[in-house]
Amino acid sequence: MEIVQKVLSGFSLDLGPVKEPLGFIRILEWVFTICAFATTGGYVGSSVFSINCGGKDHPVTAQFAYPFRLPSLPYVIPDCSNATNKTYLQGDYSSSAEFFVCVAVLGFLYCTFTLVLYVGYQQLYRESNRGPIIDLIVTGIFAFLWLVSSSAWGKGLTDVKYATDPDNIIKACSPNVCKTVTYPSMGRLNASVLFGFLNLILWAGNCWFIYKETAFHKPANPPVSEEQGVSSS
């Protein structure tokens, strides 16, 4: 209870930092991290093709979803002898997708924490050089993580597109028997990669504005005032 009271007593709302690049860019990061994991997590897609038996087309739907362990969702292919064949899409691309979403969620949490610090505990943030330095280091680490995770997920998405393309799924089937009906919608996943690289730009660019808050950017000796200059002369 004492800790809560101390935290609340030290809170002093000041929206000034939000109007500066330091706080404004952090808000943009907060928004784009939400967009990054929202466009990837929870995705469900499907590829539809048909098989012709006795002059009649039988549609087949192969579904896949985040985290893109494609063999985890089987689909059934009918044959002309009234039997069914359970089949699986090939490829496990969960590592790159989950890594990307993990970076986005952690980035969202860090943005939330620092925004509260900026607008509510600005005096605590600036009272020593430790706050800006830690902020600079963590932001730099996130910029690197965005580069790695976005590149990995971009490659993973390319593989997912190939593995779920109905034109590739029906390659083992005769063109007169199988044909593509519907391609999966990948616009949302394409946007997720775009948001990943936008986050990279934002987090890397924000390092400069945080660096300006540290003692490394400030001059070691304050400039001599005009009055001091006159009196010394």
C-alpha atoms as a PDB file:
ATOM      1  CA  MET A   1       0.000   0.000   0.000  1.00  0.00           C
ATOM      2  CA  GLU A   2       2.873   2.369   0.797  1.00  0.00           C
ATOM      3  CA  ILE A   3       4.449   1.704  -2.586  1.00  0.00           C
ATOM      4  CA  VAL A   4       1.182   2.518  -4.365  1.00  0.00           C
ATOM      5  CA  GLN A   5       0.861   5.758  -2.408  1.00  0.00           C
ATOM      6  CA  LYS A   6       4.428   6.756  -3.266  1.00  0.00           C
ATOM      7  CA  VAL A   7       3.831   6.031  -6.946  1.00  0.00           C
ATOM      8  CA  LEU A   8       0.589   8.024  -6.975  1.00  0.00           C
ATOM      9  CA  SER A   9       2.099  10.909  -5.010  1.00  0.00           C
ATOM     10  CA  GLY A  10       4.929  11.192  -7.525  1.00  0.00           C
ATOM     11  CA  PHE A  11       2.537  11.339 -10.485  1.00  0.00           C
ATOM     12  CA  SER A  12       2.324  14.747 -12.133  1.00  0.00           C
ATOM     13  CA  LEU A  13       0.460  14.915 -15.450  1.00  0.00           C
ATOM     14  CA  ASP A  14       2.332  16.944 -18.066  1.00  0.00           C
ATOM     15  CA  LEU A  15       1.369  16.585 -21.737  1.00  0.00           C
ATOM     16  CA  GLY A  16       4.290  18.730 -22.834  1.00  0.00           C
ATOM     17  CA  PRO A  17       6.530  15.761 -23.800  1.00  0.00           C
ATOM     18  CA  VAL A  18       3.796  14.456 -26.129  1.00  0.00           C
ATOM     19  CA  LYS A  19       4.116  17.639 -28.184  1.00  0.00           C
ATOM     20  CA  GLU A  20       7.858  17.056 -28.550  1.00  0.00           C
ATOM     21  CA  PRO A  21       9.396  14.526 -30.986  1.00  0.00           C
ATOM     22  CA  LEU A  22      10.394  12.257 -28.088  1.00  0.00           C
ATOM     23  CA  GLY A  23       6.809  11.681 -26.945  1.00  0.00           C
ATOM     24  CA  PHE A  24       5.078  12.057 -30.321  1.00  0.00           C
ATOM     25  CA  ILE A  25       7.207   9.391 -32.003  1.00  0.00           C
ATOM     26  CA  ARG A  26       6.615   7.101 -29.016  1.00  0.00           C
ATOM     27  CA  ILE A  27       2.863   7.431 -29.615  1.00  0.00           C
ATOM     28  CA  LEU A  28       3.383   6.505 -33.279  1.00  0.00           C
ATOM     29  CA  GLU A  29       5.413   3.478 -32.168  1.00  0.00           C
ATOM     30  CA  TRP A  30       2.606   2.498 -29.806  1.00  0.00           C
ATOM     31  CA  VAL A  31       0.056   2.628 -32.642  1.00  0.00           C
ATOM     32  CA  PHE A  32       2.200   0.770 -35.189  1.00  0.00           C
ATOM     33  CA  THR A  33       3.156  -1.998 -32.762  1.00  0.00           C
ATOM     34  CA  ILE A  34      -0.561  -2.637 -32.236  1.00  0.00           C
ATOM     35  CA  CYS A  35      -1.037  -2.744 -36.010  1.00  0.00           C
ATOM     36  CA  ALA A  36       1.887  -5.157 -36.381  1.00  0.00           C
ATOM     37  CA  PHE A  37       0.618  -7.864 -34.037  1.00  0.00           C
ATOM     38  CA  ALA A  38      -3.074  -7.259 -34.857  1.00  0.00           C
ATOM     39  CA  THR A  39      -2.524  -7.949 -38.570  1.00  0.00           C
ATOM     40  CA  THR A  40      -0.555 -11.146 -37.878  1.00  0.00           C
ATOM     41  CA  GLY A  41      -2.090 -12.785 -34.815  1.00  0.00           C
ATOM     42  CA  GLY A  42      -5.513 -14.320 -35.293  1.00  0.00           C
ATOM     43  CA  TYR A  43      -5.179 -14.537 -39.083  1.00  0.00           C
ATOM     44  CA  VAL A  44      -7.189 -17.302 -40.772  1.00  0.00           C
ATOM     45  CA  GLY A  45      -6.994 -17.955 -44.518  1.00  0.00           C
ATOM     46  CA  SER A  46      -8.045 -20.619 -46.981  1.00  0.00           C
ATOM     47  CA  SER A  47      -7.197 -21.912 -50.429  1.00  0.00           C
ATOM     48  CA  VAL A  48     -10.035 -23.416 -52.465  1.00  0.00           C
ATOM     49  CA  PHE A  49      -9.712 -25.728 -55.438  1.00  0.00           C
ATOM     50  CA  SER A  50     -12.073 -28.227 -57.040  1.00  0.00           C
ATOM     51  CA  ILE A  51     -11.835 -31.844 -58.168  1.00  0.00           C
ATOM     52  CA  ASN A  52     -13.900 -33.065 -61.092  1.00  0.00           C
ATOM     53  CA  CYS A  53     -15.499 -36.475 -60.680  1.00  0.00           C
ATOM     54  CA  GLY A  54     -17.976 -37.723 -63.261  1.00  0.00           C
ATOM     55  CA  GLY A  55     -18.450 -34.278 -64.719  1.00  0.00           C
ATOM     56  CA  LYS A  56     -19.181 -32.699 -61.323  1.00  0.00           C
ATOM     57  CA  ASP A  57     -16.848 -30.339 -59.477  1.00  0.00           C
ATOM     58  CA  HIS A  58     -16.249 -30.994 -55.773  1.00  0.00           C
ATOM     59  CA  PRO A  59     -14.799 -27.982 -53.921  1.00  0.00           C
ATOM     60  CA  VAL A  60     -11.946 -28.574 -51.473  1.00  0.00           C
ATOM     61  CA  THR A  61     -10.987 -25.966 -48.860  1.00  0.00           C
ATOM     62  CA  ALA A  62      -7.527 -26.021 -47.295  1.00  0.00           C
ATOM     63  CA  GLN A  63      -7.470 -23.748 -44.254  1.00  0.00           C
ATOM     64  CA  PHE A  64      -4.445 -22.329 -42.462  1.00  0.00           C
ATOM     65  CA  ALA A  65      -4.038 -19.883 -39.586  1.00  0.00           C
ATOM     66  CA  TYR A  66      -1.590 -18.131 -37.290  1.00  0.00           C
ATOM     67  CA  PRO A  67       0.981 -19.282 -36.142  1.00  0.00           C
ATOM     68  CA  PHE A  68       1.213 -21.023 -39.554  1.00  0.00           C
ATOM     69  CA  ARG A  69       1.964 -24.588 -38.548  1.00  0.00           C
ATOM     70  CA  LEU A  70       0.412 -25.669 -41.808  1.00  0.00           C
ATOM     71  CA  PRO A  71       0.232 -29.433 -41.132  1.00  0.00           C
ATOM     72  CA  SER A  72      -1.863 -28.800 -37.995  1.00  0.00           C
ATOM     73  CA  LEU A  73      -5.053 -28.220 -40.047  1.00  0.00           C
ATOM     74  CA  PRO A  74      -5.929 -31.198 -42.264  1.00  0.00           C
ATOM     75  CA  TYR A  75      -8.328 -30.971 -45.202  1.00  0.00           C
ATOM     76  CA  VAL A  76     -10.272 -33.712 -46.950  1.00  0.00           C
ATOM     77  CA  ILE A  77      -9.975 -34.506 -50.663  1.00  0.00           C
ATOM     78  CA  PRO A  78     -12.769 -36.660 -52.118  1.00  0.00           C
ATOM     79  CA  ASP A  79     -12.025 -39.108 -54.911  1.00  0.00           C
ATOM     80  CA  CYS A  80     -14.287 -40.552 -57.574  1.00  0.00           C
ATOM     81  CA  SER A  81     -14.783 -43.833 -55.694  1.00  0.00           C
ATOM     82  CA  ASN A  82     -16.734 -42.050 -52.925  1.00  0.00           C
ATOM     83  CA  ALA A  83     -13.765 -42.372 -50.560  1.00  0.00           C
ATOM     84  CA  THR A  84     -12.012 -39.474 -48.825  1.00  0.00           C
ATOM     85  CA  ASN A  85      -8.345 -38.721 -48.351  1.00  0.00           C
ATOM     86  CA  LYS A  86      -7.160 -36.589 -45.420  1.00  0.00           C
ATOM     87  CA  THR A  87      -4.311 -34.338 -46.566  1.00  0.00           C
ATOM     88  CA  TYR A  88      -2.122 -31.667 -44.994  1.00  0.00           C
ATOM     89  CA  LEU A  89      -0.462 -28.500 -46.178  1.00  0.00           C
ATOM     90  CA  GLN A  90       3.313 -28.683 -45.853  1.00  0.00           C
ATOM     91  CA  GLY A  91       5.600 -26.403 -43.839  1.00  0.00           C
ATOM     92  CA  ASP A  92       5.953 -25.000 -40.319  1.00  0.00           C
ATOM     93  CA  TYR A  93       6.545 -21.231 -40.329  1.00  0.00           C
ATOM     94  CA  SER A  94       5.498 -20.585 -36.731  1.00  0.00           C
ATOM     95  CA  SER A  95       8.939 -19.545 -35.476  1.00  0.00           C
ATOM     96  CA  SER A  96       9.224 -16.386 -37.604  1.00  0.00           C
ATOM     97  CA  ALA A  97       5.549 -15.464 -37.114  1.00  0.00           C
ATOM     98  CA  GLU A  98       5.618 -15.920 -33.343  1.00  0.00           C
ATOM     99  CA  PHE A  99       8.929 -14.077 -33.040  1.00  0.00           C
ATOM    100  CA  PHE A 100       7.474 -11.135 -34.968  1.00  0.00           C
ATOM    101  CA  VAL A 101       4.342 -11.019 -32.797  1.00  0.00           C
ATOM    102  CA  CYS A 102       6.415 -11.371 -29.610  1.00  0.00           C
ATOM    103  CA  VAL A 103       8.562  -8.349 -30.556  1.00  0.00           C
ATOM    104  CA  ALA A 104       5.406  -6.364 -31.356  1.00  0.00           C
ATOM    105  CA  VAL A 105       3.724  -7.210 -28.034  1.00  0.00           C
ATOM    106  CA  LEU A 106       6.863  -6.423 -26.005  1.00  0.00           C
ATOM    107  CA  GLY A 107       7.277  -3.171 -27.962  1.00  0.00           C
ATOM    108  CA  PHE A 108       3.669  -2.250 -27.181  1.00  0.00           C
ATOM    109  CA  LEU A 109       4.230  -2.851 -23.457  1.00  0.00           C
ATOM    110  CA  TYR A 110       7.443  -0.820 -23.462  1.00  0.00           C
ATOM    111  CA  CYS A 111       5.768   2.061 -25.318  1.00  0.00           C
ATOM    112  CA  THR A 112       2.939   2.054 -22.770  1.00  0.00           C
ATOM    113  CA  PHE A 113       5.393   2.124 -19.874  1.00  0.00           C
ATOM    114  CA  THR A 114       7.538   4.935 -21.309  1.00  0.00           C
ATOM    115  CA  LEU A 115       4.525   7.054 -22.278  1.00  0.00           C
ATOM    116  CA  VAL A 116       3.298   6.886 -18.679  1.00  0.00           C
ATOM    117  CA  LEU A 117       6.824   7.810 -17.577  1.00  0.00           C
ATOM    118  CA  TYR A 118       7.016  10.744 -20.017  1.00  0.00           C
ATOM    119  CA  VAL A 119       3.662  12.336 -19.143  1.00  0.00           C
ATOM    120  CA  GLY A 120       3.388  11.395 -15.477  1.00  0.00           C
ATOM    121  CA  TYR A 121       6.912  11.098 -14.113  1.00  0.00           C
ATOM    122  CA  GLN A 122       8.917  13.455 -16.318  1.00  0.00           C
ATOM    123  CA  GLN A 123      10.852  14.810 -13.325  1.00  0.00           C
ATOM    124  CA  LEU A 124      11.881  11.266 -12.408  1.00  0.00           C
ATOM    125  CA  TYR A 125      12.927  10.584 -16.006  1.00  0.00           C
ATOM    126  CA  ARG A 126      15.111  13.717 -16.239  1.00  0.00           C
ATOM    127  CA  GLU A 127      16.455  13.991 -12.701  1.00  0.00           C
ATOM    128  CA  SER A 128      19.447  11.814 -13.573  1.00  0.00           C
ATOM    129  CA  ASN A 129      21.112  10.667 -16.768  1.00  0.00           C
ATOM    130  CA  ARG A 130      20.242   7.042 -16.050  1.00  0.00           C
ATOM    131  CA  GLY A 131      16.651   7.236 -17.364  1.00  0.00           C
ATOM    132  CA  PRO A 132      17.464   8.548 -20.873  1.00  0.00           C
ATOM    133  CA  ILE A 133      20.458   6.196 -21.213  1.00  0.00           C
ATOM    134  CA  ILE A 134      18.379   3.109 -20.340  1.00  0.00           C
ATOM    135  CA  ASP A 135      15.645   4.357 -22.678  1.00  0.00           C
ATOM    136  CA  LEU A 136      18.209   4.805 -25.467  1.00  0.00           C
ATOM    137  CA  ILE A 137      19.656   1.310 -25.001  1.00  0.00           C
ATOM    138  CA  VAL A 138      16.255  -0.415 -24.911  1.00  0.00           C
ATOM    139  CA  THR A 139      14.996   1.554 -27.919  1.00  0.00           C
ATOM    140  CA  GLY A 140      18.137   0.618 -29.869  1.00  0.00           C
ATOM    141  CA  ILE A 141      17.632  -3.049 -28.977  1.00  0.00           C
ATOM    142  CA  PHE A 142      14.031  -2.881 -30.190  1.00  0.00           C
ATOM    143  CA  ALA A 143      15.144  -1.258 -33.461  1.00  0.00           C
ATOM    144  CA  PHE A 144      17.482  -4.216 -34.025  1.00  0.00           C
ATOM    145  CA  LEU A 145      14.751  -6.702 -33.076  1.00  0.00           C
ATOM    146  CA  TRP A 146      12.357  -5.069 -35.545  1.00  0.00           C
ATOM    147  CA  LEU A 147      14.960  -5.460 -38.296  1.00  0.00           C
ATOM    148  CA  VAL A 148      15.517  -9.148 -37.534  1.00  0.00           C
ATOM    149  CA  SER A 149      11.888 -10.099 -36.892  1.00  0.00           C
ATOM    150  CA  SER A 150      10.490  -8.196 -39.892  1.00  0.00           C
ATOM    151  CA  SER A 151      13.083  -9.730 -42.227  1.00  0.00           C
ATOM    152  CA  ALA A 152      12.441 -13.213 -40.841  1.00  0.00           C
ATOM    153  CA  TRP A 153       8.671 -12.831 -41.051  1.00  0.00           C
ATOM    154  CA  GLY A 154       8.927 -11.377 -44.578  1.00  0.00           C
ATOM    155  CA  LYS A 155      10.782 -14.528 -45.674  1.00  0.00           C
ATOM    156  CA  GLY A 156       8.352 -16.721 -43.722  1.00  0.00           C
ATOM    157  CA  LEU A 157       5.377 -15.026 -45.375  1.00  0.00           C
ATOM    158  CA  THR A 158       6.872 -15.674 -48.817  1.00  0.00           C
ATOM    159  CA  ASP A 159       7.114 -19.373 -47.931  1.00  0.00           C
ATOM    160  CA  VAL A 160       3.553 -19.388 -46.552  1.00  0.00           C
ATOM    161  CA  LYS A 161       2.272 -17.867 -49.797  1.00  0.00           C
ATOM    162  CA  TYR A 162       4.018 -20.546 -51.854  1.00  0.00           C
ATOM    163  CA  ALA A 163       2.856 -23.419 -49.637  1.00  0.00           C
ATOM    164  CA  THR A 164      -0.778 -22.253 -49.618  1.00  0.00           C
ATOM    165  CA  ASP A 165      -1.049 -21.243 -53.289  1.00  0.00           C
ATOM    166  CA  PRO A 166      -3.751 -23.518 -54.769  1.00  0.00           C
ATOM    167  CA  ASP A 167      -1.845 -23.578 -58.081  1.00  0.00           C
ATOM    168  CA  ASN A 168       1.018 -25.284 -56.234  1.00  0.00           C
ATOM    169  CA  ILE A 169      -1.264 -27.533 -54.174  1.00  0.00           C
ATOM    170  CA  ILE A 170      -2.864 -29.070 -57.276  1.00  0.00           C
ATOM    171  CA  LYS A 171       0.391 -29.623 -59.186  1.00  0.00           C
ATOM    172  CA  ALA A 172       0.232 -33.364 -58.484  1.00  0.00           C
ATOM    173  CA  CYS A 173      -3.275 -33.451 -59.943  1.00  0.00           C
ATOM    174  CA  SER A 174      -4.231 -33.545 -63.624  1.00  0.00           C
ATOM    175  CA  PRO A 175      -5.260 -30.111 -64.965  1.00  0.00           C
ATOM    176  CA  ASN A 176      -8.428 -31.687 -66.341  1.00  0.00           C
ATOM    177  CA  VAL A 177      -9.353 -32.995 -62.890  1.00  0.00           C
ATOM    178  CA  CYS A 178      -8.271 -30.199 -60.532  1.00  0.00           C
ATOM    179  CA  LYS A 179      -8.556 -26.447 -60.928  1.00  0.00           C
ATOM    180  CA  THR A 180      -8.081 -23.422 -58.709  1.00  0.00           C
ATOM    181  CA  VAL A 181     -11.221 -21.755 -57.365  1.00  0.00           C
ATOM    182  CA  THR A 182     -10.091 -19.132 -54.824  1.00  0.00           C
ATOM    183  CA  TYR A 183      -6.703 -17.774 -53.804  1.00  0.00           C
ATOM    184  CA  PRO A 184      -6.113 -16.922 -50.126  1.00  0.00           C
ATOM    185  CA  SER A 185      -6.326 -13.262 -49.158  1.00  0.00           C
ATOM    186  CA  MET A 186      -2.861 -12.130 -48.087  1.00  0.00           C
ATOM    187  CA  GLY A 187      -3.404  -8.361 -47.860  1.00  0.00           C
ATOM    188  CA  ARG A 188      -3.501  -8.383 -44.060  1.00  0.00           C
ATOM    189  CA  LEU A 189      -0.245 -10.338 -43.812  1.00  0.00           C
ATOM    190  CA  ASN A 190       1.447  -8.106 -46.386  1.00  0.00           C
ATOM    191  CA  ALA A 191       0.447  -5.148 -44.217  1.00  0.00           C
ATOM    192  CA  SER A 192       2.001  -6.812 -41.163  1.00  0.00           C
ATOM    193  CA  VAL A 193       5.422  -6.931 -42.844  1.00  0.00           C
ATOM    194  CA  LEU A 194       5.017  -3.295 -43.882  1.00  0.00           C
ATOM    195  CA  PHE A 195       4.164  -2.306 -40.314  1.00  0.00           C
ATOM    196  CA  GLY A 196       7.233  -4.218 -39.131  1.00  0.00           C
ATOM    197  CA  PHE A 197       9.596  -2.176 -41.290  1.00  0.00           C
ATOM    198  CA  LEU A 198       7.769   1.055 -40.431  1.00  0.00           C
ATOM    199  CA  ASN A 199       8.404   0.223 -36.780  1.00  0.00           C
ATOM    200  CA  LEU A 200      12.074  -0.309 -37.606  1.00  0.00           C
ATOM    201  CA  ILE A 201      12.263   3.217 -39.060  1.00  0.00           C
ATOM    202  CA  LEU A 202      10.395   4.757 -36.123  1.00  0.00           C
ATOM    203  CA  TRP A 203      12.389   3.024 -33.384  1.00  0.00           C
ATOM    204  CA  ALA A 204      15.737   3.637 -35.097  1.00  0.00           C
ATOM    205  CA  GLY A 205      14.872   7.300 -35.733  1.00  0.00           C
ATOM    206  CA  ASN A 206      13.696   7.779 -32.160  1.00  0.00           C
ATOM    207  CA  CYS A 207      17.152   6.803 -30.912  1.00  0.00           C
ATOM    208  CA  TRP A 208      18.408  10.218 -32.041  1.00  0.00           C
ATOM    209  CA  PHE A 209      15.806  12.157 -30.033  1.00  0.00           C
ATOM    210  CA  ILE A 210      16.445  10.035 -26.938  1.00  0.00           C
ATOM    211  CA  TYR A 211      20.193  10.475 -27.424  1.00  0.00           C
ATOM    212  CA  LYS A 212      19.658  14.252 -27.253  1.00  0.00           C
ATOM    213  CA  GLU A 213      18.237  13.773 -23.731  1.00  0.00           C
ATOM    214  CA  THR A 214      21.435  12.101 -22.492  1.00  0.00           C
ATOM    215  CA  ALA A 215      24.612  13.701 -21.165  1.00  0.00           C
ATOM    216  CA  PHE A 216      26.478  12.384 -24.222  1.00  0.00           C
ATOM    217  CA  HIS A 217      24.786  15.023 -26.390  1.00  0.00           C
ATOM    218  CA  LYS A 218      24.815  17.894 -23.903  1.00  0.00           C
ATOM    219  CA  PRO A 219      28.038  19.970 -23.735  1.00  0.00           C
ATOM    220  CA  ALA A 220      30.367  19.038 -20.901  1.00  0.00           C
ATOM    221  CA  ASN A 221      30.909  22.695 -19.922  1.00  0.00           C
ATOM    222  CA  PRO A 222      27.994  25.174 -20.080  1.00  0.00           C
ATOM    223  CA  PRO A 223      28.577  28.155 -22.399  1.00  0.00           C
ATOM    224  CA  VAL A 224      29.856  31.338 -20.767  1.00  0.00           C
ATOM    225  CA  SER A 225      27.108  33.938 -20.384  1.00  0.00           C
ATOM    226  CA  GLU A 226      27.424  37.456 -21.773  1.00  0.00           C
ATOM    227  CA  GLU A 227      27.731  39.041 -18.322  1.00  0.00           C
ATOM    228  CA  GLN A 228      30.493  36.659 -17.327  1.00  0.00           C
ATOM    229  CA  GLY A 229      32.301  37.457 -20.568  1.00  0.00           C
ATOM    230  CA  VAL A 230      32.111  41.209 -19.939  1.00  0.00           C
ATOM    231  CA  SER A 231      33.208  41.002 -16.314  1.00  0.00           C
ATOM    232  CA  SER A 232      36.152  38.783 -17.168  1.00  0.00           C
ATOM    233  CA  SER A 233      37.303  41.276 -19.739  1.00  0.00           C
END
